[in-house]
Amino acid sequence: MVPQVWKDAYRGMSSDNIKGLILALSSSLFIGASFIVKKKGLIKAGASGTRAGVGGYSYLLEPLWWVGMTTMIVGEIANFAAYAFAPAILVTPLGALSIIISAVLAYIILREKLHIFGILGCALCVVGSTTIVLHAPQEQQIVSVTEVWDLATEPAFVLYAVLVLMAVFIIIFFYIPLYGHTHIMCYIGVCSLVGSLSVMSVKAVGIALKLTFSGVNQMVYPQTWAFTLIVLLCVITQMNYLNKALDTFNTAVVSPIYYTMFTSLTILASVIMFKDWDGQNPTQIVTELCGFVTILSGTFLLHKTKDMVDGPTSLSGRFSKHITEEEDDEDGIPLRRQDLSV
């Protein structure tokens, strides 16, 4: 009787989940590698022209930079396609693997330092990702984009979307004018909230394209174009406020906070809209959450130690402000990128 219970609790990965997993892993590989290739291109272009950091655009004439950009585009396309085959709770957390790939390649190719705790962070990300992959829910069998629309218009998700939009408008019009340049959560909050809606729409568009390519045309449905419009609006808003966050605060602080909020809200939105956990028992759900927390721990550890060197370090000045990132204390990560005080 016990073996039957185990069999019911874990039925293996479906073919769609496997396809989504392969696409998500490929996406992380391409995106992680693209950062290194683009940086090599920037270094090469800066050696013979004006560096991008001081306003130069000589990198646009560097073929290596374009190879990196093309690699990133391929990775983003693979990530887009992954959502058409696998649930967001499987695809989204695997984005952390691109951080590992980038860190390892930077250590091998660019000879950048990788702290011992950074290696531990990479290991935690791998363990967490493996845990989620082994316990991820099965992808629903959807035969029309109208089914996705029906899921998106159910009361629970409509309530979630309304709350998200209300929160976004309140942050944009009330909090950002007052606290945008001092509180990182203002910009990151908008990016993450809107991002959770964009992923749901991306998944809908991906499903529509998958069905269309399989011979069932979904372009005739207005819902397909409605989801496409939502994707465009959400991505534009998301990129706008993410750029503001990166321009105002240190990247080492923005990246892990954004990853945490964006992934958490995306999983929540997917659970509400697609009911990912309906067919799972409490043990599987708790295990997935543990895997996600493990990935978060590894991501924070990797970002926190990426500029550290082995040996004693000082915590003084960790939150001190500097004029530019290049003048930061070598042992600390400032919250702000620029000193805006007069």
C-alpha atoms as a PDB file:
ATOM      1  CA  MET A   1       0.000   0.000   0.000  1.00  0.00           C
ATOM      2  CA  VAL A   2       2.824   2.411   0.837  1.00  0.00           C
ATOM      3  CA  PRO A   3       4.553   2.026  -2.560  1.00  0.00           C
ATOM      4  CA  GLN A   4       1.221   2.891  -4.247  1.00  0.00           C
ATOM      5  CA  VAL A   5       1.000   6.079  -2.162  1.00  0.00           C
ATOM      6  CA  TRP A   6       4.490   7.035  -3.239  1.00  0.00           C
ATOM      7  CA  LYS A   7       3.574   6.287  -6.827  1.00  0.00           C
ATOM      8  CA  ASP A   8       0.530   8.530  -6.611  1.00  0.00           C
ATOM      9  CA  ALA A   9       2.522  11.292  -4.934  1.00  0.00           C
ATOM     10  CA  TYR A  10       5.202  11.320  -7.584  1.00  0.00           C
ATOM     11  CA  ARG A  11       4.241  10.405 -11.118  1.00  0.00           C
ATOM     12  CA  GLY A  12       7.361  11.603 -12.909  1.00  0.00           C
ATOM     13  CA  MET A  13       7.743  14.511 -15.289  1.00  0.00           C
ATOM     14  CA  SER A  14       5.435  14.874 -18.268  1.00  0.00           C
ATOM     15  CA  SER A  15       6.843  15.314 -21.765  1.00  0.00           C
ATOM     16  CA  ASP A  16       5.766  18.972 -21.737  1.00  0.00           C
ATOM     17  CA  ASN A  17       7.544  19.581 -18.431  1.00  0.00           C
ATOM     18  CA  ILE A  18      10.703  17.982 -19.831  1.00  0.00           C
ATOM     19  CA  LYS A  19      10.539  20.237 -22.901  1.00  0.00           C
ATOM     20  CA  GLY A  20      10.015  23.266 -20.683  1.00  0.00           C
ATOM     21  CA  LEU A  21      12.906  22.205 -18.454  1.00  0.00           C
ATOM     22  CA  ILE A  22      15.275  21.802 -21.409  1.00  0.00           C
ATOM     23  CA  LEU A  23      14.252  25.194 -22.802  1.00  0.00           C
ATOM     24  CA  ALA A  24      14.655  26.866 -19.383  1.00  0.00           C
ATOM     25  CA  LEU A  25      18.113  25.329 -18.882  1.00  0.00           C
ATOM     26  CA  SER A  26      19.114  26.341 -22.424  1.00  0.00           C
ATOM     27  CA  SER A  27      17.877  29.853 -21.719  1.00  0.00           C
ATOM     28  CA  SER A  28      20.017  30.108 -18.578  1.00  0.00           C
ATOM     29  CA  LEU A  29      23.044  28.799 -20.470  1.00  0.00           C
ATOM     30  CA  PHE A  30      22.677  31.287 -23.326  1.00  0.00           C
ATOM     31  CA  ILE A  31      21.859  34.272 -21.110  1.00  0.00           C
ATOM     32  CA  GLY A  32      24.642  33.494 -18.620  1.00  0.00           C
ATOM     33  CA  ALA A  33      27.190  33.102 -21.420  1.00  0.00           C
ATOM     34  CA  SER A  34      25.958  36.249 -23.182  1.00  0.00           C
ATOM     35  CA  PHE A  35      27.060  38.475 -20.284  1.00  0.00           C
ATOM     36  CA  ILE A  36      30.610  37.177 -20.575  1.00  0.00           C
ATOM     37  CA  VAL A  37      30.749  37.448 -24.366  1.00  0.00           C
ATOM     38  CA  LYS A  38      29.340  40.978 -24.282  1.00  0.00           C
ATOM     39  CA  LYS A  39      31.832  42.004 -21.600  1.00  0.00           C
ATOM     40  CA  LYS A  40      34.686  40.607 -23.678  1.00  0.00           C
ATOM     41  CA  GLY A  41      33.364  42.670 -26.583  1.00  0.00           C
ATOM     42  CA  LEU A  42      33.179  45.787 -24.402  1.00  0.00           C
ATOM     43  CA  ILE A  43      36.756  45.272 -23.202  1.00  0.00           C
ATOM     44  CA  LYS A  44      37.991  44.786 -26.748  1.00  0.00           C
ATOM     45  CA  ALA A  45      36.073  47.811 -28.024  1.00  0.00           C
ATOM     46  CA  GLY A  46      37.261  49.963 -25.107  1.00  0.00           C
ATOM     47  CA  ALA A  47      40.884  49.147 -25.905  1.00  0.00           C
ATOM     48  CA  SER A  48      40.610  50.793 -29.323  1.00  0.00           C
ATOM     49  CA  GLY A  49      37.884  53.377 -28.733  1.00  0.00           C
ATOM     50  CA  THR A  50      35.825  55.217 -26.145  1.00  0.00           C
ATOM     51  CA  ARG A  51      34.581  52.997 -23.322  1.00  0.00           C
ATOM     52  CA  ALA A  52      30.828  52.522 -22.908  1.00  0.00           C
ATOM     53  CA  GLY A  53      31.122  53.562 -19.275  1.00  0.00           C
ATOM     54  CA  VAL A  54      32.063  57.104 -20.294  1.00  0.00           C
ATOM     55  CA  GLY A  55      29.483  57.439 -23.033  1.00  0.00           C
ATOM     56  CA  GLY A  56      31.209  55.707 -25.942  1.00  0.00           C
ATOM     57  CA  TYR A  57      29.479  53.544 -28.544  1.00  0.00           C
ATOM     58  CA  SER A  58      32.473  51.902 -30.180  1.00  0.00           C
ATOM     59  CA  TYR A  59      31.171  48.535 -28.959  1.00  0.00           C
ATOM     60  CA  LEU A  60      28.478  48.736 -31.643  1.00  0.00           C
ATOM     61  CA  LEU A  61      31.227  48.148 -34.197  1.00  0.00           C
ATOM     62  CA  GLU A  62      32.644  45.178 -32.290  1.00  0.00           C
ATOM     63  CA  PRO A  63      31.453  41.794 -33.714  1.00  0.00           C
ATOM     64  CA  LEU A  64      32.070  40.032 -30.390  1.00  0.00           C
ATOM     65  CA  TRP A  65      29.562  42.307 -28.638  1.00  0.00           C
ATOM     66  CA  TRP A  66      26.942  41.481 -31.262  1.00  0.00           C
ATOM     67  CA  VAL A  67      27.641  37.768 -30.762  1.00  0.00           C
ATOM     68  CA  GLY A  68      26.856  38.271 -27.094  1.00  0.00           C
ATOM     69  CA  MET A  69      23.691  40.219 -27.872  1.00  0.00           C
ATOM     70  CA  THR A  70      22.532  37.519 -30.287  1.00  0.00           C
ATOM     71  CA  THR A  71      23.222  34.876 -27.649  1.00  0.00           C
ATOM     72  CA  MET A  72      21.096  36.794 -25.151  1.00  0.00           C
ATOM     73  CA  ILE A  73      18.217  37.101 -27.636  1.00  0.00           C
ATOM     74  CA  VAL A  74      18.340  33.345 -28.264  1.00  0.00           C
ATOM     75  CA  GLY A  75      18.225  32.794 -24.502  1.00  0.00           C
ATOM     76  CA  GLU A  76      15.216  35.067 -24.067  1.00  0.00           C
ATOM     77  CA  ILE A  77      13.388  33.286 -26.904  1.00  0.00           C
ATOM     78  CA  ALA A  78      14.091  29.927 -25.233  1.00  0.00           C
ATOM     79  CA  ASN A  79      12.796  31.318 -21.932  1.00  0.00           C
ATOM     80  CA  PHE A  80       9.656  32.580 -23.664  1.00  0.00           C
ATOM     81  CA  ALA A  81       9.083  29.161 -25.218  1.00  0.00           C
ATOM     82  CA  ALA A  82       9.648  27.376 -21.899  1.00  0.00           C
ATOM     83  CA  TYR A  83       6.531  28.993 -20.424  1.00  0.00           C
ATOM     84  CA  ALA A  84       4.438  27.434 -23.203  1.00  0.00           C
ATOM     85  CA  PHE A  85       5.378  23.932 -22.035  1.00  0.00           C
ATOM     86  CA  ALA A  86       5.979  24.073 -18.281  1.00  0.00           C
ATOM     87  CA  PRO A  87       4.390  25.826 -15.281  1.00  0.00           C
ATOM     88  CA  ALA A  88       5.903  29.109 -14.106  1.00  0.00           C
ATOM     89  CA  ILE A  89       6.784  27.525 -10.762  1.00  0.00           C
ATOM     90  CA  LEU A  90       9.284  25.344 -12.667  1.00  0.00           C
ATOM     91  CA  VAL A  91      10.577  27.839 -15.256  1.00  0.00           C
ATOM     92  CA  THR A  92      10.953  31.084 -13.296  1.00  0.00           C
ATOM     93  CA  PRO A  93      13.214  29.907 -10.412  1.00  0.00           C
ATOM     94  CA  LEU A  94      15.601  28.288 -12.914  1.00  0.00           C
ATOM     95  CA  GLY A  95      16.562  31.783 -14.054  1.00  0.00           C
ATOM     96  CA  ALA A  96      19.002  31.778 -11.119  1.00  0.00           C
ATOM     97  CA  LEU A  97      21.147  29.266 -13.020  1.00  0.00           C
ATOM     98  CA  SER A  98      22.171  32.010 -15.464  1.00  0.00           C
ATOM     99  CA  ILE A  99      23.827  33.761 -12.497  1.00  0.00           C
ATOM    100  CA  ILE A 100      25.855  30.623 -11.784  1.00  0.00           C
ATOM    101  CA  ILE A 101      26.905  30.215 -15.404  1.00  0.00           C
ATOM    102  CA  SER A 102      27.897  33.869 -15.609  1.00  0.00           C
ATOM    103  CA  ALA A 103      29.916  33.677 -12.365  1.00  0.00           C
ATOM    104  CA  VAL A 104      31.726  30.481 -13.351  1.00  0.00           C
ATOM    105  CA  LEU A 105      32.546  31.700 -16.876  1.00  0.00           C
ATOM    106  CA  ALA A 106      33.714  35.045 -15.478  1.00  0.00           C
ATOM    107  CA  TYR A 107      36.089  33.127 -13.194  1.00  0.00           C
ATOM    108  CA  ILE A 108      37.384  30.936 -16.046  1.00  0.00           C
ATOM    109  CA  ILE A 109      37.448  33.375 -18.973  1.00  0.00           C
ATOM    110  CA  LEU A 110      37.701  36.847 -17.427  1.00  0.00           C
ATOM    111  CA  ARG A 111      39.825  35.739 -14.451  1.00  0.00           C
ATOM    112  CA  GLU A 112      37.437  37.455 -12.053  1.00  0.00           C
ATOM    113  CA  LYS A 113      37.513  36.482  -8.379  1.00  0.00           C
ATOM    114  CA  LEU A 114      35.015  33.923  -7.087  1.00  0.00           C
ATOM    115  CA  HIS A 115      34.867  33.875  -3.281  1.00  0.00           C
ATOM    116  CA  ILE A 116      34.558  30.533  -1.511  1.00  0.00           C
ATOM    117  CA  PHE A 117      31.103  31.585  -0.308  1.00  0.00           C
ATOM    118  CA  GLY A 118      30.238  32.406  -3.912  1.00  0.00           C
ATOM    119  CA  ILE A 119      30.972  28.776  -4.784  1.00  0.00           C
ATOM    120  CA  LEU A 120      28.706  27.743  -1.914  1.00  0.00           C
ATOM    121  CA  GLY A 121      26.013  30.057  -3.342  1.00  0.00           C
ATOM    122  CA  CYS A 122      26.318  28.333  -6.721  1.00  0.00           C
ATOM    123  CA  ALA A 123      25.956  24.931  -5.044  1.00  0.00           C
ATOM    124  CA  LEU A 124      22.839  26.092  -3.167  1.00  0.00           C
ATOM    125  CA  CYS A 125      21.263  27.300  -6.419  1.00  0.00           C
ATOM    126  CA  VAL A 126      21.905  23.930  -8.055  1.00  0.00           C
ATOM    127  CA  VAL A 127      20.448  22.035  -5.077  1.00  0.00           C
ATOM    128  CA  GLY A 128      17.380  24.273  -4.942  1.00  0.00           C
ATOM    129  CA  SER A 129      16.806  24.037  -8.692  1.00  0.00           C
ATOM    130  CA  THR A 130      17.086  20.248  -8.601  1.00  0.00           C
ATOM    131  CA  THR A 131      14.573  20.098  -5.742  1.00  0.00           C
ATOM    132  CA  ILE A 132      12.041  22.177  -7.663  1.00  0.00           C
ATOM    133  CA  VAL A 133      12.535  20.221 -10.896  1.00  0.00           C
ATOM    134  CA  LEU A 134      11.923  16.889  -9.157  1.00  0.00           C
ATOM    135  CA  HIS A 135       8.723  18.077  -7.465  1.00  0.00           C
ATOM    136  CA  ALA A 136       7.272  20.563  -9.969  1.00  0.00           C
ATOM    137  CA  PRO A 137       3.559  20.201 -10.837  1.00  0.00           C
ATOM    138  CA  GLN A 138       2.459  18.878 -14.207  1.00  0.00           C
ATOM    139  CA  GLU A 139       1.569  21.344 -16.940  1.00  0.00           C
ATOM    140  CA  GLN A 140      -2.131  21.610 -17.733  1.00  0.00           C
ATOM    141  CA  GLN A 141      -3.325  20.336 -21.095  1.00  0.00           C
ATOM    142  CA  ILE A 142      -4.797  23.442 -22.747  1.00  0.00           C
ATOM    143  CA  VAL A 143      -6.324  23.172 -26.224  1.00  0.00           C
ATOM    144  CA  SER A 144      -7.260  26.811 -26.851  1.00  0.00           C
ATOM    145  CA  VAL A 145      -6.173  30.287 -25.782  1.00  0.00           C
ATOM    146  CA  THR A 146      -9.785  30.875 -24.743  1.00  0.00           C
ATOM    147  CA  GLU A 147      -9.187  28.410 -21.890  1.00  0.00           C
ATOM    148  CA  VAL A 148      -6.340  30.599 -20.662  1.00  0.00           C
ATOM    149  CA  TRP A 149      -8.616  33.641 -20.926  1.00  0.00           C
ATOM    150  CA  ASP A 150     -11.220  31.838 -18.829  1.00  0.00           C
ATOM    151  CA  LEU A 151      -8.575  31.143 -16.187  1.00  0.00           C
ATOM    152  CA  ALA A 152      -7.459  34.788 -16.255  1.00  0.00           C
ATOM    153  CA  THR A 153     -11.020  36.059 -15.788  1.00  0.00           C
ATOM    154  CA  GLU A 154     -11.888  33.866 -12.813  1.00  0.00           C
ATOM    155  CA  PRO A 155     -12.674  35.912  -9.654  1.00  0.00           C
ATOM    156  CA  ALA A 156      -9.522  34.877  -7.759  1.00  0.00           C
ATOM    157  CA  PHE A 157      -7.090  36.034 -10.448  1.00  0.00           C
ATOM    158  CA  VAL A 158      -9.149  39.128 -11.296  1.00  0.00           C
ATOM    159  CA  LEU A 159      -8.898  40.103  -7.620  1.00  0.00           C
ATOM    160  CA  TYR A 160      -5.127  39.494  -7.701  1.00  0.00           C
ATOM    161  CA  ALA A 161      -4.740  41.590 -10.878  1.00  0.00           C
ATOM    162  CA  VAL A 162      -6.833  44.438  -9.437  1.00  0.00           C
ATOM    163  CA  LEU A 163      -4.788  44.458  -6.218  1.00  0.00           C
ATOM    164  CA  VAL A 164      -1.562  44.467  -8.248  1.00  0.00           C
ATOM    165  CA  LEU A 165      -2.696  47.386 -10.414  1.00  0.00           C
ATOM    166  CA  MET A 166      -3.880  49.345  -7.377  1.00  0.00           C
ATOM    167  CA  ALA A 167      -0.544  48.779  -5.643  1.00  0.00           C
ATOM    168  CA  VAL A 168       1.378  49.797  -8.781  1.00  0.00           C
ATOM    169  CA  PHE A 169      -0.574  53.035  -9.215  1.00  0.00           C
ATOM    170  CA  ILE A 170      -0.188  53.921  -5.523  1.00  0.00           C
ATOM    171  CA  ILE A 171       3.573  53.307  -5.666  1.00  0.00           C
ATOM    172  CA  ILE A 172       4.028  55.247  -8.928  1.00  0.00           C
ATOM    173  CA  PHE A 173       1.947  58.305  -8.054  1.00  0.00           C
ATOM    174  CA  PHE A 174       2.391  58.555  -4.280  1.00  0.00           C
ATOM    175  CA  TYR A 175       5.563  56.827  -3.133  1.00  0.00           C
ATOM    176  CA  ILE A 176       8.048  57.146  -6.012  1.00  0.00           C
ATOM    177  CA  PRO A 177       7.901  60.990  -6.137  1.00  0.00           C
ATOM    178  CA  LEU A 178       8.710  61.084  -2.421  1.00  0.00           C
ATOM    179  CA  TYR A 179      10.877  58.030  -1.798  1.00  0.00           C
ATOM    180  CA  GLY A 180      11.965  56.720  -5.211  1.00  0.00           C
ATOM    181  CA  HIS A 181      15.568  57.896  -4.856  1.00  0.00           C
ATOM    182  CA  THR A 182      16.016  56.657  -1.297  1.00  0.00           C
ATOM    183  CA  HIS A 183      13.950  53.458  -1.013  1.00  0.00           C
ATOM    184  CA  ILE A 184      14.859  50.667  -3.414  1.00  0.00           C
ATOM    185  CA  MET A 185      11.561  48.842  -2.871  1.00  0.00           C
ATOM    186  CA  CYS A 186       9.623  51.538  -4.768  1.00  0.00           C
ATOM    187  CA  TYR A 187      11.130  50.784  -8.184  1.00  0.00           C
ATOM    188  CA  ILE A 188      11.608  47.075  -7.512  1.00  0.00           C
ATOM    189  CA  GLY A 189       8.023  46.785  -6.266  1.00  0.00           C
ATOM    190  CA  VAL A 190       6.624  48.142  -9.541  1.00  0.00           C
ATOM    191  CA  CYS A 191       8.907  45.893 -11.632  1.00  0.00           C
ATOM    192  CA  SER A 192       8.014  42.777  -9.668  1.00  0.00           C
ATOM    193  CA  LEU A 193       4.263  43.354  -9.456  1.00  0.00           C
ATOM    194  CA  VAL A 194       3.930  44.172 -13.150  1.00  0.00           C
ATOM    195  CA  GLY A 195       6.359  41.360 -13.975  1.00  0.00           C
ATOM    196  CA  SER A 196       4.073  38.754 -12.403  1.00  0.00           C
ATOM    197  CA  LEU A 197       1.278  39.821 -14.775  1.00  0.00           C
ATOM    198  CA  SER A 198       3.643  39.903 -17.755  1.00  0.00           C
ATOM    199  CA  VAL A 199       4.739  36.290 -17.169  1.00  0.00           C
ATOM    200  CA  MET A 200       1.119  35.099 -17.083  1.00  0.00           C
ATOM    201  CA  SER A 201       0.488  36.911 -20.373  1.00  0.00           C
ATOM    202  CA  VAL A 202       3.731  35.597 -21.870  1.00  0.00           C
ATOM    203  CA  LYS A 203       2.630  32.079 -20.969  1.00  0.00           C
ATOM    204  CA  ALA A 204      -0.729  32.679 -22.666  1.00  0.00           C
ATOM    205  CA  VAL A 205       0.926  33.984 -25.843  1.00  0.00           C
ATOM    206  CA  GLY A 206       3.396  31.088 -25.782  1.00  0.00           C
ATOM    207  CA  ILE A 207       0.562  28.576 -25.528  1.00  0.00           C
ATOM    208  CA  ALA A 208      -1.231  30.298 -28.418  1.00  0.00           C
ATOM    209  CA  LEU A 209       1.885  30.103 -30.603  1.00  0.00           C
ATOM    210  CA  LYS A 210       2.519  26.465 -29.640  1.00  0.00           C
ATOM    211  CA  LEU A 211      -1.021  25.502 -30.624  1.00  0.00           C
ATOM    212  CA  THR A 212      -0.815  27.549 -33.833  1.00  0.00           C
ATOM    213  CA  PHE A 213       2.412  25.850 -34.897  1.00  0.00           C
ATOM    214  CA  SER A 214       0.825  22.472 -34.167  1.00  0.00           C
ATOM    215  CA  GLY A 215      -1.963  23.233 -36.649  1.00  0.00           C
ATOM    216  CA  VAL A 216      -4.651  24.788 -34.426  1.00  0.00           C
ATOM    217  CA  ASN A 217      -4.659  28.474 -35.393  1.00  0.00           C
ATOM    218  CA  GLN A 218      -5.056  30.732 -32.348  1.00  0.00           C
ATOM    219  CA  MET A 219      -4.436  34.009 -34.182  1.00  0.00           C
ATOM    220  CA  VAL A 220      -8.126  34.262 -35.023  1.00  0.00           C
ATOM    221  CA  TYR A 221      -9.046  34.731 -31.371  1.00  0.00           C
ATOM    222  CA  PRO A 222      -9.077  38.294 -29.990  1.00  0.00           C
ATOM    223  CA  GLN A 223      -7.835  36.902 -26.657  1.00  0.00           C
ATOM    224  CA  THR A 224      -4.460  36.139 -28.268  1.00  0.00           C
ATOM    225  CA  TRP A 225      -4.008  39.764 -29.271  1.00  0.00           C
ATOM    226  CA  ALA A 226      -5.292  40.992 -25.913  1.00  0.00           C
ATOM    227  CA  PHE A 227      -2.631  38.936 -24.130  1.00  0.00           C
ATOM    228  CA  THR A 228      -0.011  40.237 -26.599  1.00  0.00           C
ATOM    229  CA  LEU A 229      -0.979  43.842 -25.837  1.00  0.00           C
ATOM    230  CA  ILE A 230      -0.767  43.146 -22.094  1.00  0.00           C
ATOM    231  CA  VAL A 231       2.716  41.663 -22.573  1.00  0.00           C
ATOM    232  CA  LEU A 232       3.916  44.773 -24.407  1.00  0.00           C
ATOM    233  CA  LEU A 233       2.488  47.181 -21.836  1.00  0.00           C
ATOM    234  CA  CYS A 234       3.836  45.183 -18.900  1.00  0.00           C
ATOM    235  CA  VAL A 235       7.322  44.704 -20.367  1.00  0.00           C
ATOM    236  CA  ILE A 236       7.660  48.408 -21.228  1.00  0.00           C
ATOM    237  CA  THR A 237       6.632  49.390 -17.689  1.00  0.00           C
ATOM    238  CA  GLN A 238       8.839  46.717 -16.161  1.00  0.00           C
ATOM    239  CA  MET A 239      11.942  47.739 -18.129  1.00  0.00           C
ATOM    240  CA  ASN A 240      11.350  51.435 -17.461  1.00  0.00           C
ATOM    241  CA  TYR A 241      11.341  51.075 -13.687  1.00  0.00           C
ATOM    242  CA  LEU A 242      14.063  48.426 -13.655  1.00  0.00           C
ATOM    243  CA  ASN A 243      16.331  50.868 -15.507  1.00  0.00           C
ATOM    244  CA  LYS A 244      15.466  53.539 -12.935  1.00  0.00           C
ATOM    245  CA  ALA A 245      16.394  51.122 -10.143  1.00  0.00           C
ATOM    246  CA  LEU A 246      19.700  50.204 -11.790  1.00  0.00           C
ATOM    247  CA  ASP A 247      20.492  53.863 -12.467  1.00  0.00           C
ATOM    248  CA  THR A 248      19.810  54.859  -8.853  1.00  0.00           C
ATOM    249  CA  PHE A 249      21.008  51.901  -6.782  1.00  0.00           C
ATOM    250  CA  ASN A 250      23.926  49.482  -6.857  1.00  0.00           C
ATOM    251  CA  THR A 251      23.409  46.508  -9.173  1.00  0.00           C
ATOM    252  CA  ALA A 252      24.627  44.090  -6.481  1.00  0.00           C
ATOM    253  CA  VAL A 253      21.696  45.204  -4.327  1.00  0.00           C
ATOM    254  CA  VAL A 254      19.074  45.463  -7.089  1.00  0.00           C
ATOM    255  CA  SER A 255      19.628  42.031  -8.656  1.00  0.00           C
ATOM    256  CA  PRO A 256      18.945  39.698  -5.693  1.00  0.00           C
ATOM    257  CA  ILE A 257      16.028  41.781  -4.368  1.00  0.00           C
ATOM    258  CA  TYR A 258      14.437  41.971  -7.807  1.00  0.00           C
ATOM    259  CA  TYR A 259      14.930  38.236  -8.399  1.00  0.00           C
ATOM    260  CA  THR A 260      13.354  37.411  -5.036  1.00  0.00           C
ATOM    261  CA  MET A 261      10.289  39.637  -5.430  1.00  0.00           C
ATOM    262  CA  PHE A 262       9.728  38.914  -9.111  1.00  0.00           C
ATOM    263  CA  THR A 263       9.999  35.133  -8.706  1.00  0.00           C
ATOM    264  CA  SER A 264       7.855  35.056  -5.553  1.00  0.00           C
ATOM    265  CA  LEU A 265       5.046  37.108  -7.106  1.00  0.00           C
ATOM    266  CA  THR A 266       5.218  35.146 -10.370  1.00  0.00           C
ATOM    267  CA  ILE A 267       4.827  31.856  -8.505  1.00  0.00           C
ATOM    268  CA  LEU A 268       1.913  33.334  -6.534  1.00  0.00           C
ATOM    269  CA  ALA A 269       0.217  34.559  -9.714  1.00  0.00           C
ATOM    270  CA  SER A 270       0.712  31.183 -11.402  1.00  0.00           C
ATOM    271  CA  VAL A 271      -0.694  29.300  -8.393  1.00  0.00           C
ATOM    272  CA  ILE A 272      -3.784  31.528  -8.449  1.00  0.00           C
ATOM    273  CA  MET A 273      -4.357  31.555 -12.217  1.00  0.00           C
ATOM    274  CA  PHE A 274      -3.261  28.082 -13.313  1.00  0.00           C
ATOM    275  CA  LYS A 275      -3.874  26.366  -9.948  1.00  0.00           C
ATOM    276  CA  ASP A 276      -0.460  24.694 -10.108  1.00  0.00           C
ATOM    277  CA  TRP A 277      -0.769  23.197  -6.626  1.00  0.00           C
ATOM    278  CA  ASP A 278      -4.254  21.716  -6.971  1.00  0.00           C
ATOM    279  CA  GLY A 279      -2.963  18.268  -7.925  1.00  0.00           C
ATOM    280  CA  GLN A 280      -0.141  18.175  -5.379  1.00  0.00           C
ATOM    281  CA  ASN A 281       0.021  17.018  -1.797  1.00  0.00           C
ATOM    282  CA  PRO A 282       1.377  19.211   1.070  1.00  0.00           C
ATOM    283  CA  THR A 283       4.722  17.406   1.071  1.00  0.00           C
ATOM    284  CA  GLN A 284       5.400  18.296  -2.575  1.00  0.00           C
ATOM    285  CA  ILE A 285       4.342  21.917  -2.059  1.00  0.00           C
ATOM    286  CA  VAL A 286       6.540  22.354   1.018  1.00  0.00           C
ATOM    287  CA  THR A 287       9.461  20.714  -0.803  1.00  0.00           C
ATOM    288  CA  GLU A 288       9.077  23.133  -3.737  1.00  0.00           C
ATOM    289  CA  LEU A 289       9.019  26.086  -1.353  1.00  0.00           C
ATOM    290  CA  CYS A 290      12.141  24.775   0.379  1.00  0.00           C
ATOM    291  CA  GLY A 291      13.849  24.471  -2.992  1.00  0.00           C
ATOM    292  CA  PHE A 292      12.874  28.048  -3.826  1.00  0.00           C
ATOM    293  CA  VAL A 293      14.221  29.355  -0.491  1.00  0.00           C
ATOM    294  CA  THR A 294      17.452  27.445  -1.125  1.00  0.00           C
ATOM    295  CA  ILE A 295      17.823  29.158  -4.507  1.00  0.00           C
ATOM    296  CA  LEU A 296      17.174  32.542  -2.905  1.00  0.00           C
ATOM    297  CA  SER A 297      19.851  31.845  -0.285  1.00  0.00           C
ATOM    298  CA  GLY A 298      22.367  30.875  -2.959  1.00  0.00           C
ATOM    299  CA  THR A 299      21.538  33.934  -5.069  1.00  0.00           C
ATOM    300  CA  PHE A 300      21.969  36.355  -2.161  1.00  0.00           C
ATOM    301  CA  LEU A 301      25.197  34.658  -1.094  1.00  0.00           C
ATOM    302  CA  LEU A 302      26.625  34.788  -4.616  1.00  0.00           C
ATOM    303  CA  HIS A 303      25.771  38.465  -5.086  1.00  0.00           C
ATOM    304  CA  LYS A 304      26.906  39.446  -1.613  1.00  0.00           C
ATOM    305  CA  THR A 305      30.354  37.911  -2.008  1.00  0.00           C
ATOM    306  CA  LYS A 306      31.056  38.485  -5.691  1.00  0.00           C
ATOM    307  CA  ASP A 307      33.378  41.451  -5.024  1.00  0.00           C
ATOM    308  CA  MET A 308      35.003  39.985  -1.922  1.00  0.00           C
ATOM    309  CA  VAL A 309      38.439  38.426  -1.752  1.00  0.00           C
ATOM    310  CA  ASP A 310      39.438  35.551   0.501  1.00  0.00           C
ATOM    311  CA  GLY A 311      40.672  36.628   3.908  1.00  0.00           C
ATOM    312  CA  PRO A 312      39.505  38.961   6.670  1.00  0.00           C
ATOM    313  CA  THR A 313      37.034  41.597   5.592  1.00  0.00           C
ATOM    314  CA  SER A 314      35.730  44.660   7.296  1.00  0.00           C
ATOM    315  CA  LEU A 315      32.043  45.419   7.633  1.00  0.00           C
ATOM    316  CA  SER A 316      32.631  49.113   8.174  1.00  0.00           C
ATOM    317  CA  GLY A 317      31.358  51.328   5.414  1.00  0.00           C
ATOM    318  CA  ARG A 318      29.057  48.636   4.078  1.00  0.00           C
ATOM    319  CA  PHE A 319      26.270  51.112   3.560  1.00  0.00           C
ATOM    320  CA  SER A 320      28.405  54.208   2.989  1.00  0.00           C
ATOM    321  CA  LYS A 321      27.719  56.371  -0.063  1.00  0.00           C
ATOM    322  CA  HIS A 322      30.193  57.183  -2.814  1.00  0.00           C
ATOM    323  CA  ILE A 323      30.235  59.269  -5.930  1.00  0.00           C
ATOM    324  CA  THR A 324      30.581  56.321  -8.307  1.00  0.00           C
ATOM    325  CA  GLU A 325      30.624  52.536  -8.074  1.00  0.00           C
ATOM    326  CA  GLU A 326      34.333  52.504  -8.886  1.00  0.00           C
ATOM    327  CA  GLU A 327      35.034  54.420  -5.662  1.00  0.00           C
ATOM    328  CA  ASP A 328      33.085  51.997  -3.426  1.00  0.00           C
ATOM    329  CA  ASP A 329      34.801  50.537  -0.381  1.00  0.00           C
ATOM    330  CA  GLU A 330      36.206  47.191  -1.540  1.00  0.00           C
ATOM    331  CA  ASP A 331      34.658  45.328   1.373  1.00  0.00           C
ATOM    332  CA  GLY A 332      31.143  46.763   1.211  1.00  0.00           C
ATOM    333  CA  ILE A 333      28.179  47.150  -1.079  1.00  0.00           C
ATOM    334  CA  PRO A 334      26.535  50.569  -0.841  1.00  0.00           C
ATOM    335  CA  LEU A 335      22.796  50.795  -1.197  1.00  0.00           C
ATOM    336  CA  ARG A 336      22.957  53.851  -3.418  1.00  0.00           C
ATOM    337  CA  ARG A 337      24.905  54.190  -6.650  1.00  0.00           C
ATOM    338  CA  GLN A 338      25.236  57.957  -6.438  1.00  0.00           C
ATOM    339  CA  ASP A 339      25.452  60.473  -3.619  1.00  0.00           C
ATOM    340  CA  LEU A 340      22.492  62.769  -4.253  1.00  0.00           C
ATOM    341  CA  SER A 341      23.031  64.868  -1.140  1.00  0.00           C
ATOM    342  CA  VAL A 342      24.133  68.453  -1.703  1.00  0.00           C
END
